[in-house]
């Protein structure tokens, strides 16, 4: 269809996470507004269903809109208003405006800068997130006018030990370049 979005499900040990990546049509173009509205409604529905199933949901991408906190109050942003409605309807947390975020502008071209890319998450996912870093200085070049965003999370993992340690066999592929220090520490 005409929407640019993708949902994936990943599992880190016992933690299931639904991750959505989205691209909204260009902001403030009347012919694209209805498409943006439909996409917003679909994301509201998807987020509710996925949060019921997984608890941990992240929605991120190029929303091509500026929320009121990050834009000039004299400029309008139809996609920004849709994004604010999405956040309010789903109760997702906007990490771009959170204390865990370092940086502000996600897009730049010459002297122009803007915040149009966002990372949103559920409350349960928020508890695992330590930071969102926006690379405003473009230290990592991704060949785009969008800045690199790095999300760091501490997903709890559970390591299940074998019930009977004597039945646990560790195999090493011994070669000339084997890390002998790690081998001796493990034996």
C-alpha atoms as a PDB file:
ATOM      1  CA  UNK A   1       0.000   0.000   0.000  1.00  0.00           C
ATOM      2  CA  UNK A   2       1.024   3.649   0.120  1.00  0.00           C
ATOM      3  CA  UNK A   3       2.381   3.511   3.708  1.00  0.00           C
ATOM      4  CA  UNK A   4       6.071   3.229   4.458  1.00  0.00           C
ATOM      5  CA  UNK A   5       6.339   1.295   7.710  1.00  0.00           C
ATOM      6  CA  UNK A   6       7.713  -1.977   8.938  1.00  0.00           C
ATOM      7  CA  UNK A   7       7.189  -3.850  12.205  1.00  0.00           C
ATOM      8  CA  UNK A   8       9.593  -6.514  13.377  1.00  0.00           C
ATOM      9  CA  UNK A   9       9.622  -8.721  16.460  1.00  0.00           C
ATOM     10  CA  UNK A  10      12.915  -9.533  18.162  1.00  0.00           C
ATOM     11  CA  UNK A  11      13.665 -11.538  21.240  1.00  0.00           C
ATOM     12  CA  UNK A  12      16.645 -10.928  23.532  1.00  0.00           C
ATOM     13  CA  UNK A  13      16.769 -13.977  25.790  1.00  0.00           C
ATOM     14  CA  UNK A  14      13.333 -13.847  27.418  1.00  0.00           C
ATOM     15  CA  UNK A  15      12.482 -10.232  26.481  1.00  0.00           C
ATOM     16  CA  UNK A  16      10.265  -9.791  23.414  1.00  0.00           C
ATOM     17  CA  UNK A  17      10.343  -6.405  21.674  1.00  0.00           C
ATOM     18  CA  UNK A  18       8.237  -5.067  18.800  1.00  0.00           C
ATOM     19  CA  UNK A  19      10.110  -2.451  16.772  1.00  0.00           C
ATOM     20  CA  UNK A  20       8.379  -0.270  14.225  1.00  0.00           C
ATOM     21  CA  UNK A  21      10.177   1.853  11.640  1.00  0.00           C
ATOM     22  CA  UNK A  22       8.128   4.505   9.852  1.00  0.00           C
ATOM     23  CA  UNK A  23       8.440   7.200   7.213  1.00  0.00           C
ATOM     24  CA  UNK A  24       5.723   9.862   7.041  1.00  0.00           C
ATOM     25  CA  UNK A  25       5.055  11.793   3.823  1.00  0.00           C
ATOM     26  CA  UNK A  26       6.558  15.288   3.581  1.00  0.00           C
ATOM     27  CA  UNK A  27       5.056  17.787   6.046  1.00  0.00           C
ATOM     28  CA  UNK A  28       2.506  20.493   5.210  1.00  0.00           C
ATOM     29  CA  UNK A  29       1.578  19.188   1.754  1.00  0.00           C
ATOM     30  CA  UNK A  30      -2.214  19.141   1.554  1.00  0.00           C
ATOM     31  CA  UNK A  31      -2.313  16.260  -0.942  1.00  0.00           C
ATOM     32  CA  UNK A  32      -0.366  14.060   1.520  1.00  0.00           C
ATOM     33  CA  UNK A  33      -2.263  15.003   4.706  1.00  0.00           C
ATOM     34  CA  UNK A  34      -4.977  12.347   4.337  1.00  0.00           C
ATOM     35  CA  UNK A  35      -2.288   9.689   3.796  1.00  0.00           C
ATOM     36  CA  UNK A  36      -0.480  10.894   6.930  1.00  0.00           C
ATOM     37  CA  UNK A  37      -3.736  10.745   8.920  1.00  0.00           C
ATOM     38  CA  UNK A  38      -4.374   7.157   7.812  1.00  0.00           C
ATOM     39  CA  UNK A  39      -0.816   6.179   8.735  1.00  0.00           C
ATOM     40  CA  UNK A  40      -1.218   7.800  12.161  1.00  0.00           C
ATOM     41  CA  UNK A  41      -4.448   5.843  12.793  1.00  0.00           C
ATOM     42  CA  UNK A  42      -2.828   2.582  11.698  1.00  0.00           C
ATOM     43  CA  UNK A  43       0.137   3.186  14.029  1.00  0.00           C
ATOM     44  CA  UNK A  44      -2.222   3.906  16.934  1.00  0.00           C
ATOM     45  CA  UNK A  45      -3.988   0.586  16.322  1.00  0.00           C
ATOM     46  CA  UNK A  46      -0.737  -1.340  15.784  1.00  0.00           C
ATOM     47  CA  UNK A  47       0.878   0.071  18.906  1.00  0.00           C
ATOM     48  CA  UNK A  48      -2.088  -0.871  21.109  1.00  0.00           C
ATOM     49  CA  UNK A  49      -2.194  -4.437  19.810  1.00  0.00           C
ATOM     50  CA  UNK A  50       1.565  -4.901  20.024  1.00  0.00           C
ATOM     51  CA  UNK A  51       1.825  -3.438  23.528  1.00  0.00           C
ATOM     52  CA  UNK A  52      -0.828  -5.926  24.704  1.00  0.00           C
ATOM     53  CA  UNK A  53       1.202  -8.768  23.226  1.00  0.00           C
ATOM     54  CA  UNK A  54       4.814  -7.707  23.924  1.00  0.00           C
ATOM     55  CA  UNK A  55       4.810  -4.838  26.502  1.00  0.00           C
ATOM     56  CA  UNK A  56       8.082  -3.602  24.984  1.00  0.00           C
ATOM     57  CA  UNK A  57       7.390  -1.493  21.891  1.00  0.00           C
ATOM     58  CA  UNK A  58       9.634   0.989  20.098  1.00  0.00           C
ATOM     59  CA  UNK A  59       8.407   3.138  17.226  1.00  0.00           C
ATOM     60  CA  UNK A  60      11.008   5.197  15.428  1.00  0.00           C
ATOM     61  CA  UNK A  61      11.644   6.879  12.145  1.00  0.00           C
ATOM     62  CA  UNK A  62      11.285   9.957  10.011  1.00  0.00           C
ATOM     63  CA  UNK A  63       7.968  11.499  11.008  1.00  0.00           C
ATOM     64  CA  UNK A  64       8.674  14.528   8.795  1.00  0.00           C
ATOM     65  CA  UNK A  65       7.052  16.751  11.391  1.00  0.00           C
ATOM     66  CA  UNK A  66       8.013  19.077  14.181  1.00  0.00           C
ATOM     67  CA  UNK A  67       6.327  18.781  17.568  1.00  0.00           C
ATOM     68  CA  UNK A  68       5.498  21.983  19.423  1.00  0.00           C
ATOM     69  CA  UNK A  69       8.352  21.535  21.944  1.00  0.00           C
ATOM     70  CA  UNK A  70      10.968  21.456  19.178  1.00  0.00           C
ATOM     71  CA  UNK A  71       9.704  23.966  16.605  1.00  0.00           C
ATOM     72  CA  UNK A  72       9.312  27.676  16.124  1.00  0.00           C
ATOM     73  CA  UNK A  73       5.895  28.544  17.629  1.00  0.00           C
ATOM     74  CA  UNK A  74       5.103  30.671  14.556  1.00  0.00           C
ATOM     75  CA  UNK A  75       5.432  27.719  12.169  1.00  0.00           C
ATOM     76  CA  UNK A  76       2.820  25.028  11.700  1.00  0.00           C
ATOM     77  CA  UNK A  77       3.535  21.347  11.195  1.00  0.00           C
ATOM     78  CA  UNK A  78       0.627  19.112  10.235  1.00  0.00           C
ATOM     79  CA  UNK A  79       2.731  15.972  10.746  1.00  0.00           C
ATOM     80  CA  UNK A  80       3.911  17.367  14.087  1.00  0.00           C
ATOM     81  CA  UNK A  81       0.293  17.652  15.222  1.00  0.00           C
ATOM     82  CA  UNK A  82      -0.384  14.096  14.031  1.00  0.00           C
ATOM     83  CA  UNK A  83       2.705  12.890  15.926  1.00  0.00           C
ATOM     84  CA  UNK A  84       1.533  14.658  19.086  1.00  0.00           C
ATOM     85  CA  UNK A  85      -1.870  12.964  18.667  1.00  0.00           C
ATOM     86  CA  UNK A  86      -0.167   9.590  18.214  1.00  0.00           C
ATOM     87  CA  UNK A  87       1.890  10.088  21.375  1.00  0.00           C
ATOM     88  CA  UNK A  88      -1.166  11.182  23.364  1.00  0.00           C
ATOM     89  CA  UNK A  89      -3.379   8.337  22.094  1.00  0.00           C
ATOM     90  CA  UNK A  90      -0.828   5.573  22.665  1.00  0.00           C
ATOM     91  CA  UNK A  91       0.838   7.035  25.779  1.00  0.00           C
ATOM     92  CA  UNK A  92       4.223   6.384  24.173  1.00  0.00           C
ATOM     93  CA  UNK A  93       7.188   8.236  25.624  1.00  0.00           C
ATOM     94  CA  UNK A  94       8.981  10.598  23.253  1.00  0.00           C
ATOM     95  CA  UNK A  95      12.656   9.991  23.970  1.00  0.00           C
ATOM     96  CA  UNK A  96      13.713  13.044  21.918  1.00  0.00           C
ATOM     97  CA  UNK A  97      12.286  15.334  24.607  1.00  0.00           C
ATOM     98  CA  UNK A  98      13.325  13.184  27.559  1.00  0.00           C
ATOM     99  CA  UNK A  99      16.225  13.716  29.969  1.00  0.00           C
ATOM    100  CA  UNK A 100      17.827  10.550  28.557  1.00  0.00           C
ATOM    101  CA  UNK A 101      18.295  12.266  25.181  1.00  0.00           C
ATOM    102  CA  UNK A 102      21.565  13.971  24.264  1.00  0.00           C
ATOM    103  CA  UNK A 103      21.212  16.230  21.247  1.00  0.00           C
ATOM    104  CA  UNK A 104      18.221  17.800  19.579  1.00  0.00           C
ATOM    105  CA  UNK A 105      18.502  18.155  15.805  1.00  0.00           C
ATOM    106  CA  UNK A 106      18.050  15.002  13.745  1.00  0.00           C
ATOM    107  CA  UNK A 107      18.318  16.602  10.300  1.00  0.00           C
ATOM    108  CA  UNK A 108      20.608  19.237   8.835  1.00  0.00           C
ATOM    109  CA  UNK A 109      21.503  20.678   5.473  1.00  0.00           C
ATOM    110  CA  UNK A 110      23.960  23.567   5.468  1.00  0.00           C
ATOM    111  CA  UNK A 111      22.831  25.976   8.180  1.00  0.00           C
ATOM    112  CA  UNK A 112      19.310  24.519   8.323  1.00  0.00           C
ATOM    113  CA  UNK A 113      18.585  22.200  11.253  1.00  0.00           C
ATOM    114  CA  UNK A 114      15.453  20.483  12.415  1.00  0.00           C
ATOM    115  CA  UNK A 115      14.099  17.699  14.619  1.00  0.00           C
ATOM    116  CA  UNK A 116      11.922  15.428  12.452  1.00  0.00           C
ATOM    117  CA  UNK A 117      13.133  11.933  13.430  1.00  0.00           C
ATOM    118  CA  UNK A 118      11.794  10.527  16.685  1.00  0.00           C
ATOM    119  CA  UNK A 119      12.141   7.518  18.955  1.00  0.00           C
ATOM    120  CA  UNK A 120       8.989   6.595  20.896  1.00  0.00           C
ATOM    121  CA  UNK A 121       8.580   3.727  23.348  1.00  0.00           C
ATOM    122  CA  UNK A 122       6.253   2.141  25.867  1.00  0.00           C
ATOM    123  CA  UNK A 123       6.769   2.634  29.600  1.00  0.00           C
ATOM    124  CA  UNK A 124       8.105  -0.911  30.067  1.00  0.00           C
ATOM    125  CA  UNK A 125      10.663  -0.368  27.287  1.00  0.00           C
ATOM    126  CA  UNK A 126      11.588   3.038  28.741  1.00  0.00           C
ATOM    127  CA  UNK A 127      12.794   1.419  31.964  1.00  0.00           C
ATOM    128  CA  UNK A 128      15.479  -0.458  29.995  1.00  0.00           C
ATOM    129  CA  UNK A 129      16.715   2.560  28.007  1.00  0.00           C
ATOM    130  CA  UNK A 130      19.779   4.339  29.309  1.00  0.00           C
ATOM    131  CA  UNK A 131      20.216   6.950  26.557  1.00  0.00           C
ATOM    132  CA  UNK A 132      19.369   8.277  23.127  1.00  0.00           C
ATOM    133  CA  UNK A 133      22.257  10.103  21.478  1.00  0.00           C
ATOM    134  CA  UNK A 134      21.681  12.283  18.411  1.00  0.00           C
ATOM    135  CA  UNK A 135      24.916  12.754  16.459  1.00  0.00           C
ATOM    136  CA  UNK A 136      24.472  16.446  15.639  1.00  0.00           C
ATOM    137  CA  UNK A 137      28.184  16.795  14.799  1.00  0.00           C
ATOM    138  CA  UNK A 138      27.922  13.967  12.251  1.00  0.00           C
ATOM    139  CA  UNK A 139      30.844  12.072  13.779  1.00  0.00           C
ATOM    140  CA  UNK A 140      29.351   8.967  12.176  1.00  0.00           C
ATOM    141  CA  UNK A 141      28.577   9.681   8.546  1.00  0.00           C
ATOM    142  CA  UNK A 142      25.666   7.705   7.186  1.00  0.00           C
ATOM    143  CA  UNK A 143      25.655   9.525   3.840  1.00  0.00           C
ATOM    144  CA  UNK A 144      22.422  11.331   4.609  1.00  0.00           C
ATOM    145  CA  UNK A 145      21.161  14.717   5.673  1.00  0.00           C
ATOM    146  CA  UNK A 146      19.685  12.901   8.692  1.00  0.00           C
ATOM    147  CA  UNK A 147      21.842  12.486  11.780  1.00  0.00           C
ATOM    148  CA  UNK A 148      22.745   9.130  13.261  1.00  0.00           C
ATOM    149  CA  UNK A 149      20.696   8.206  16.363  1.00  0.00           C
ATOM    150  CA  UNK A 150      22.025   5.718  18.896  1.00  0.00           C
ATOM    151  CA  UNK A 151      19.653   4.132  21.384  1.00  0.00           C
ATOM    152  CA  UNK A 152      21.235   2.286  24.295  1.00  0.00           C
ATOM    153  CA  UNK A 153      19.169  -0.159  26.324  1.00  0.00           C
ATOM    154  CA  UNK A 154      19.967  -2.595  29.104  1.00  0.00           C
ATOM    155  CA  UNK A 155      17.784  -5.571  28.291  1.00  0.00           C
ATOM    156  CA  UNK A 156      17.685  -7.969  31.229  1.00  0.00           C
ATOM    157  CA  UNK A 157      18.951 -11.370  30.238  1.00  0.00           C
ATOM    158  CA  UNK A 158      18.617 -14.623  32.084  1.00  0.00           C
ATOM    159  CA  UNK A 159      21.364 -17.193  31.811  1.00  0.00           C
ATOM    160  CA  UNK A 160      20.074 -20.619  32.667  1.00  0.00           C
ATOM    161  CA  UNK A 161      22.749 -22.852  34.169  1.00  0.00           C
ATOM    162  CA  UNK A 162      22.592 -26.575  33.494  1.00  0.00           C
ATOM    163  CA  UNK A 163      21.005 -28.534  36.329  1.00  0.00           C
ATOM    164  CA  UNK A 164      23.920 -30.947  36.599  1.00  0.00           C
ATOM    165  CA  UNK A 165      27.282 -29.209  36.007  1.00  0.00           C
ATOM    166  CA  UNK A 166      29.001 -32.582  35.449  1.00  0.00           C
ATOM    167  CA  UNK A 167      26.911 -33.093  32.288  1.00  0.00           C
ATOM    168  CA  UNK A 168      27.893 -29.698  30.919  1.00  0.00           C
ATOM    169  CA  UNK A 169      30.627 -30.159  28.336  1.00  0.00           C
ATOM    170  CA  UNK A 170      32.479 -27.198  26.919  1.00  0.00           C
ATOM    171  CA  UNK A 171      34.167 -27.777  23.580  1.00  0.00           C
ATOM    172  CA  UNK A 172      37.108 -25.742  22.380  1.00  0.00           C
ATOM    173  CA  UNK A 173      38.341 -25.626  18.835  1.00  0.00           C
ATOM    174  CA  UNK A 174      42.049 -25.614  19.700  1.00  0.00           C
ATOM    175  CA  UNK A 175      44.242 -23.975  17.063  1.00  0.00           C
ATOM    176  CA  UNK A 176      47.584 -22.217  17.081  1.00  0.00           C
ATOM    177  CA  UNK A 177      45.912 -18.812  17.533  1.00  0.00           C
ATOM    178  CA  UNK A 178      43.570 -19.981  20.333  1.00  0.00           C
ATOM    179  CA  UNK A 179      43.081 -17.504  23.164  1.00  0.00           C
ATOM    180  CA  UNK A 180      44.834 -19.566  25.837  1.00  0.00           C
ATOM    181  CA  UNK A 181      44.094 -17.117  28.642  1.00  0.00           C
ATOM    182  CA  UNK A 182      40.342 -17.467  28.044  1.00  0.00           C
ATOM    183  CA  UNK A 183      40.760 -21.256  27.758  1.00  0.00           C
ATOM    184  CA  UNK A 184      42.583 -21.522  31.092  1.00  0.00           C
ATOM    185  CA  UNK A 185      40.118 -19.195  32.810  1.00  0.00           C
ATOM    186  CA  UNK A 186      37.185 -21.328  31.633  1.00  0.00           C
ATOM    187  CA  UNK A 187      38.696 -24.712  32.549  1.00  0.00           C
END
